Amino acid sequence: MLKPEPTALDATLRGEEEIAKHRRLYCAHYDGCLNASIASGWQSFSCTRCALSAYAENSPRLATFAHDRRNDPNG
């Protein structure tokens, strides 16, 4: 079974382009990875090397996103 694997970054991501390049904001595991990076004291993190990155949604379903927020299965 695949598990989320965020990668530590040495610098804070700045701007929408950098965030879009490194993060999968709509991934079901995003909140858990964000919490893990904070707990580990990382400056920032990237989703690009995570095996689950390929399965993450690129954009929300606009009509229902606000009411459809998924719980993180890991936390």
N, C-alpha and C. Protein backbone atom coordinates (compact mmCIF):
# COMPACT_ATOMS: atom_id res chain seq x y z
N MET A 1 0.84 -1.18 0.00
CA MET A 1 0.00 0.00 0.00
C MET A 1 0.89 1.25 0.00
N LEU A 2 0.54 2.20 -0.83
CA LEU A 2 1.30 3.44 -0.91
C LEU A 2 0.99 4.34 0.27
N LYS A 3 2.03 5.02 0.77
CA LYS A 3 1.86 5.95 1.87
C LYS A 3 2.37 7.32 1.42
N PRO A 4 1.80 8.40 1.96
CA PRO A 4 2.29 9.73 1.60
C PRO A 4 3.74 9.91 2.04
N GLU A 5 4.53 10.55 1.17
CA GLU A 5 5.95 10.78 1.46
C GLU A 5 6.36 12.19 1.05
N PRO A 6 6.04 13.18 1.87
CA PRO A 6 6.49 14.53 1.54
C PRO A 6 8.01 14.63 1.68
N THR A 7 8.60 15.56 0.95
CA THR A 7 10.05 15.77 0.99
C THR A 7 10.33 17.15 1.57
N ALA A 8 11.25 17.22 2.51
CA ALA A 8 11.61 18.50 3.13
C ALA A 8 12.27 19.42 2.11
N LEU A 9 11.95 20.71 2.20
CA LEU A 9 12.60 21.74 1.40
C LEU A 9 13.31 22.70 2.35
N ASP A 10 14.42 23.28 1.88
CA ASP A 10 15.21 24.18 2.72
C ASP A 10 14.69 25.61 2.73
N ALA A 11 13.81 25.95 1.82
CA ALA A 11 13.31 27.32 1.74
C ALA A 11 11.78 27.31 1.63
N THR A 12 11.18 28.38 2.11
CA THR A 12 9.74 28.55 2.02
C THR A 12 9.34 28.78 0.57
N LEU A 13 8.27 28.16 0.14
CA LEU A 13 7.75 28.38 -1.21
C LEU A 13 7.12 29.76 -1.28
N ARG A 14 7.44 30.48 -2.33
CA ARG A 14 6.90 31.82 -2.50
C ARG A 14 6.20 31.91 -3.85
N GLY A 15 5.00 32.37 -3.82
CA GLY A 15 4.25 32.58 -5.05
C GLY A 15 3.49 31.35 -5.52
N GLU A 16 2.47 31.63 -6.29
CA GLU A 16 1.58 30.59 -6.77
C GLU A 16 2.27 29.58 -7.68
N GLU A 17 3.22 30.03 -8.50
CA GLU A 17 3.90 29.11 -9.42
C GLU A 17 4.72 28.07 -8.66
N GLU A 18 5.46 28.50 -7.64
CA GLU A 18 6.25 27.56 -6.85
C GLU A 18 5.36 26.58 -6.10
N ILE A 19 4.28 27.09 -5.53
CA ILE A 19 3.36 26.23 -4.80
C ILE A 19 2.74 25.21 -5.74
N ALA A 20 2.30 25.64 -6.91
CA ALA A 20 1.70 24.73 -7.88
C ALA A 20 2.69 23.67 -8.35
N LYS A 21 3.97 24.02 -8.42
CA LYS A 21 5.00 23.09 -8.85
C LYS A 21 5.27 22.01 -7.79
N HIS A 22 5.23 22.38 -6.51
CA HIS A 22 5.63 21.47 -5.45
C HIS A 22 4.50 20.82 -4.65
N ARG A 23 3.34 21.41 -4.64
CA ARG A 23 2.29 20.92 -3.75
C ARG A 23 1.10 20.38 -4.52
N ARG A 24 0.45 19.40 -3.93
CA ARG A 24 -0.81 18.85 -4.45
C ARG A 24 -1.88 19.21 -3.42
N LEU A 25 -2.35 20.45 -3.49
CA LEU A 25 -3.23 21.01 -2.47
C LEU A 25 -4.53 20.24 -2.29
N TYR A 26 -4.98 19.56 -3.31
CA TYR A 26 -6.26 18.87 -3.24
C TYR A 26 -6.12 17.37 -2.99
N CYS A 27 -4.93 16.94 -2.65
CA CYS A 27 -4.69 15.54 -2.31
C CYS A 27 -5.36 15.24 -0.97
N ALA A 28 -5.91 14.06 -0.83
CA ALA A 28 -6.57 13.66 0.41
C ALA A 28 -5.59 13.61 1.58
N HIS A 29 -4.29 13.53 1.31
CA HIS A 29 -3.28 13.42 2.36
C HIS A 29 -2.61 14.75 2.68
N TYR A 30 -2.97 15.81 1.96
CA TYR A 30 -2.26 17.10 2.10
C TYR A 30 -2.21 17.60 3.54
N ASP A 31 -3.32 17.61 4.23
CA ASP A 31 -3.35 18.13 5.61
C ASP A 31 -2.42 17.33 6.52
N GLY A 32 -2.40 16.02 6.36
CA GLY A 32 -1.53 15.17 7.16
C GLY A 32 -0.06 15.45 6.86
N CYS A 33 0.27 15.64 5.60
CA CYS A 33 1.66 15.95 5.23
C CYS A 33 2.07 17.32 5.74
N LEU A 34 1.16 18.27 5.68
CA LEU A 34 1.44 19.61 6.21
C LEU A 34 1.70 19.52 7.71
N ASN A 35 0.87 18.81 8.43
CA ASN A 35 1.06 18.64 9.88
C ASN A 35 2.37 17.93 10.19
N ALA A 36 2.71 16.91 9.40
CA ALA A 36 3.97 16.18 9.61
C ALA A 36 5.17 17.08 9.36
N SER A 37 5.10 17.94 8.37
CA SER A 37 6.22 18.83 8.07
C SER A 37 6.40 19.86 9.19
N ILE A 38 5.31 20.33 9.74
CA ILE A 38 5.38 21.28 10.86
C ILE A 38 5.96 20.59 12.09
N ALA A 39 5.49 19.41 12.38
CA ALA A 39 5.97 18.65 13.54
C ALA A 39 7.46 18.32 13.42
N SER A 40 7.93 18.15 12.18
CA SER A 40 9.34 17.83 11.95
C SER A 40 10.22 19.06 11.89
N GLY A 41 9.61 20.24 11.92
CA GLY A 41 10.37 21.49 11.89
C GLY A 41 10.91 21.85 10.52
N TRP A 42 10.28 21.32 9.46
CA TRP A 42 10.73 21.63 8.11
C TRP A 42 10.39 23.06 7.75
N GLN A 43 11.23 23.69 6.96
CA GLN A 43 10.98 25.04 6.45
C GLN A 43 9.78 25.00 5.49
N SER A 44 9.73 23.96 4.68
CA SER A 44 8.66 23.76 3.71
C SER A 44 8.73 22.31 3.25
N PHE A 45 7.81 21.92 2.36
CA PHE A 45 7.86 20.55 1.83
C PHE A 45 7.35 20.51 0.41
N SER A 46 7.67 19.42 -0.25
CA SER A 46 7.26 19.19 -1.63
C SER A 46 6.55 17.85 -1.73
N CYS A 47 5.59 17.78 -2.62
CA CYS A 47 4.86 16.54 -2.89
C CYS A 47 5.39 15.84 -4.15
N THR A 48 6.36 16.43 -4.83
CA THR A 48 6.75 15.95 -6.15
C THR A 48 7.34 14.55 -6.17
N ARG A 49 7.98 14.10 -5.10
CA ARG A 49 8.58 12.77 -5.06
C ARG A 49 7.66 11.72 -4.45
N CYS A 50 6.51 12.13 -4.00
CA CYS A 50 5.55 11.22 -3.38
C CYS A 50 4.89 10.35 -4.45
N ALA A 51 4.81 9.07 -4.19
CA ALA A 51 4.18 8.14 -5.14
C ALA A 51 2.69 8.44 -5.31
N LEU A 52 2.08 9.04 -4.31
CA LEU A 52 0.65 9.35 -4.39
C LEU A 52 0.37 10.63 -5.17
N SER A 53 1.40 11.37 -5.50
CA SER A 53 1.24 12.63 -6.21
C SER A 53 0.51 12.46 -7.54
N ALA A 54 0.75 11.36 -8.20
CA ALA A 54 0.11 11.10 -9.50
C ALA A 54 -1.39 10.90 -9.37
N TYR A 55 -1.86 10.56 -8.17
CA TYR A 55 -3.28 10.30 -7.96
C TYR A 55 -4.03 11.50 -7.40
N ALA A 56 -3.31 12.55 -7.05
CA ALA A 56 -3.93 13.73 -6.46
C ALA A 56 -4.70 14.52 -7.52
N GLU A 57 -5.78 15.12 -7.10
CA GLU A 57 -6.55 15.97 -8.00
C GLU A 57 -5.78 17.25 -8.27
N ASN A 58 -5.85 17.75 -9.48
CA ASN A 58 -5.17 18.99 -9.83
C ASN A 58 -6.00 20.22 -9.48
N SER A 59 -7.30 20.06 -9.45
CA SER A 59 -8.16 21.18 -9.10
C SER A 59 -9.44 20.64 -8.47
N PRO A 60 -10.10 21.45 -7.66
CA PRO A 60 -11.31 20.97 -6.99
C PRO A 60 -12.50 20.91 -7.93
N ARG A 61 -13.49 20.18 -7.48
CA ARG A 61 -14.78 20.20 -8.17
C ARG A 61 -15.48 21.46 -7.66
N LEU A 62 -15.48 22.49 -8.45
CA LEU A 62 -15.88 23.82 -8.00
C LEU A 62 -17.28 23.86 -7.41
N ALA A 63 -18.22 23.14 -7.97
CA ALA A 63 -19.60 23.22 -7.51
C ALA A 63 -19.78 22.68 -6.10
N THR A 64 -18.93 21.74 -5.70
CA THR A 64 -19.16 21.09 -4.41
C THR A 64 -17.97 21.14 -3.46
N PHE A 65 -16.86 21.76 -3.86
CA PHE A 65 -15.64 21.69 -3.07
C PHE A 65 -15.80 22.16 -1.63
N ALA A 66 -16.47 23.26 -1.42
CA ALA A 66 -16.60 23.82 -0.07
C ALA A 66 -17.36 22.87 0.86
N HIS A 67 -18.26 22.08 0.30
CA HIS A 67 -19.06 21.17 1.11
C HIS A 67 -18.55 19.73 1.08
N ASP A 68 -17.54 19.50 0.26
CA ASP A 68 -17.08 18.15 -0.02
C ASP A 68 -15.71 17.85 0.57
N ARG A 69 -15.20 18.72 1.43
CA ARG A 69 -13.84 18.56 1.96
C ARG A 69 -13.66 17.16 2.53
N ARG A 70 -12.65 16.46 2.03
CA ARG A 70 -12.38 15.10 2.48
C ARG A 70 -11.53 15.14 3.75
N ASN A 71 -11.76 14.20 4.63
CA ASN A 71 -10.93 14.06 5.81
C ASN A 71 -9.63 13.37 5.40
N ASP A 72 -8.55 13.75 6.05
CA ASP A 72 -7.26 13.09 5.81
C ASP A 72 -7.32 11.71 6.43
N PRO A 73 -7.12 10.67 5.64
CA PRO A 73 -7.22 9.32 6.18
C PRO A 73 -6.13 8.98 7.21
N ASN A 74 -5.10 9.82 7.30
CA ASN A 74 -3.99 9.55 8.24
C ASN A 74 -4.04 10.43 9.47
N GLY A 75 -5.01 11.23 9.62
CA GLY A 75 -4.95 12.08 10.80
C GLY A 75 -6.16 12.83 11.01
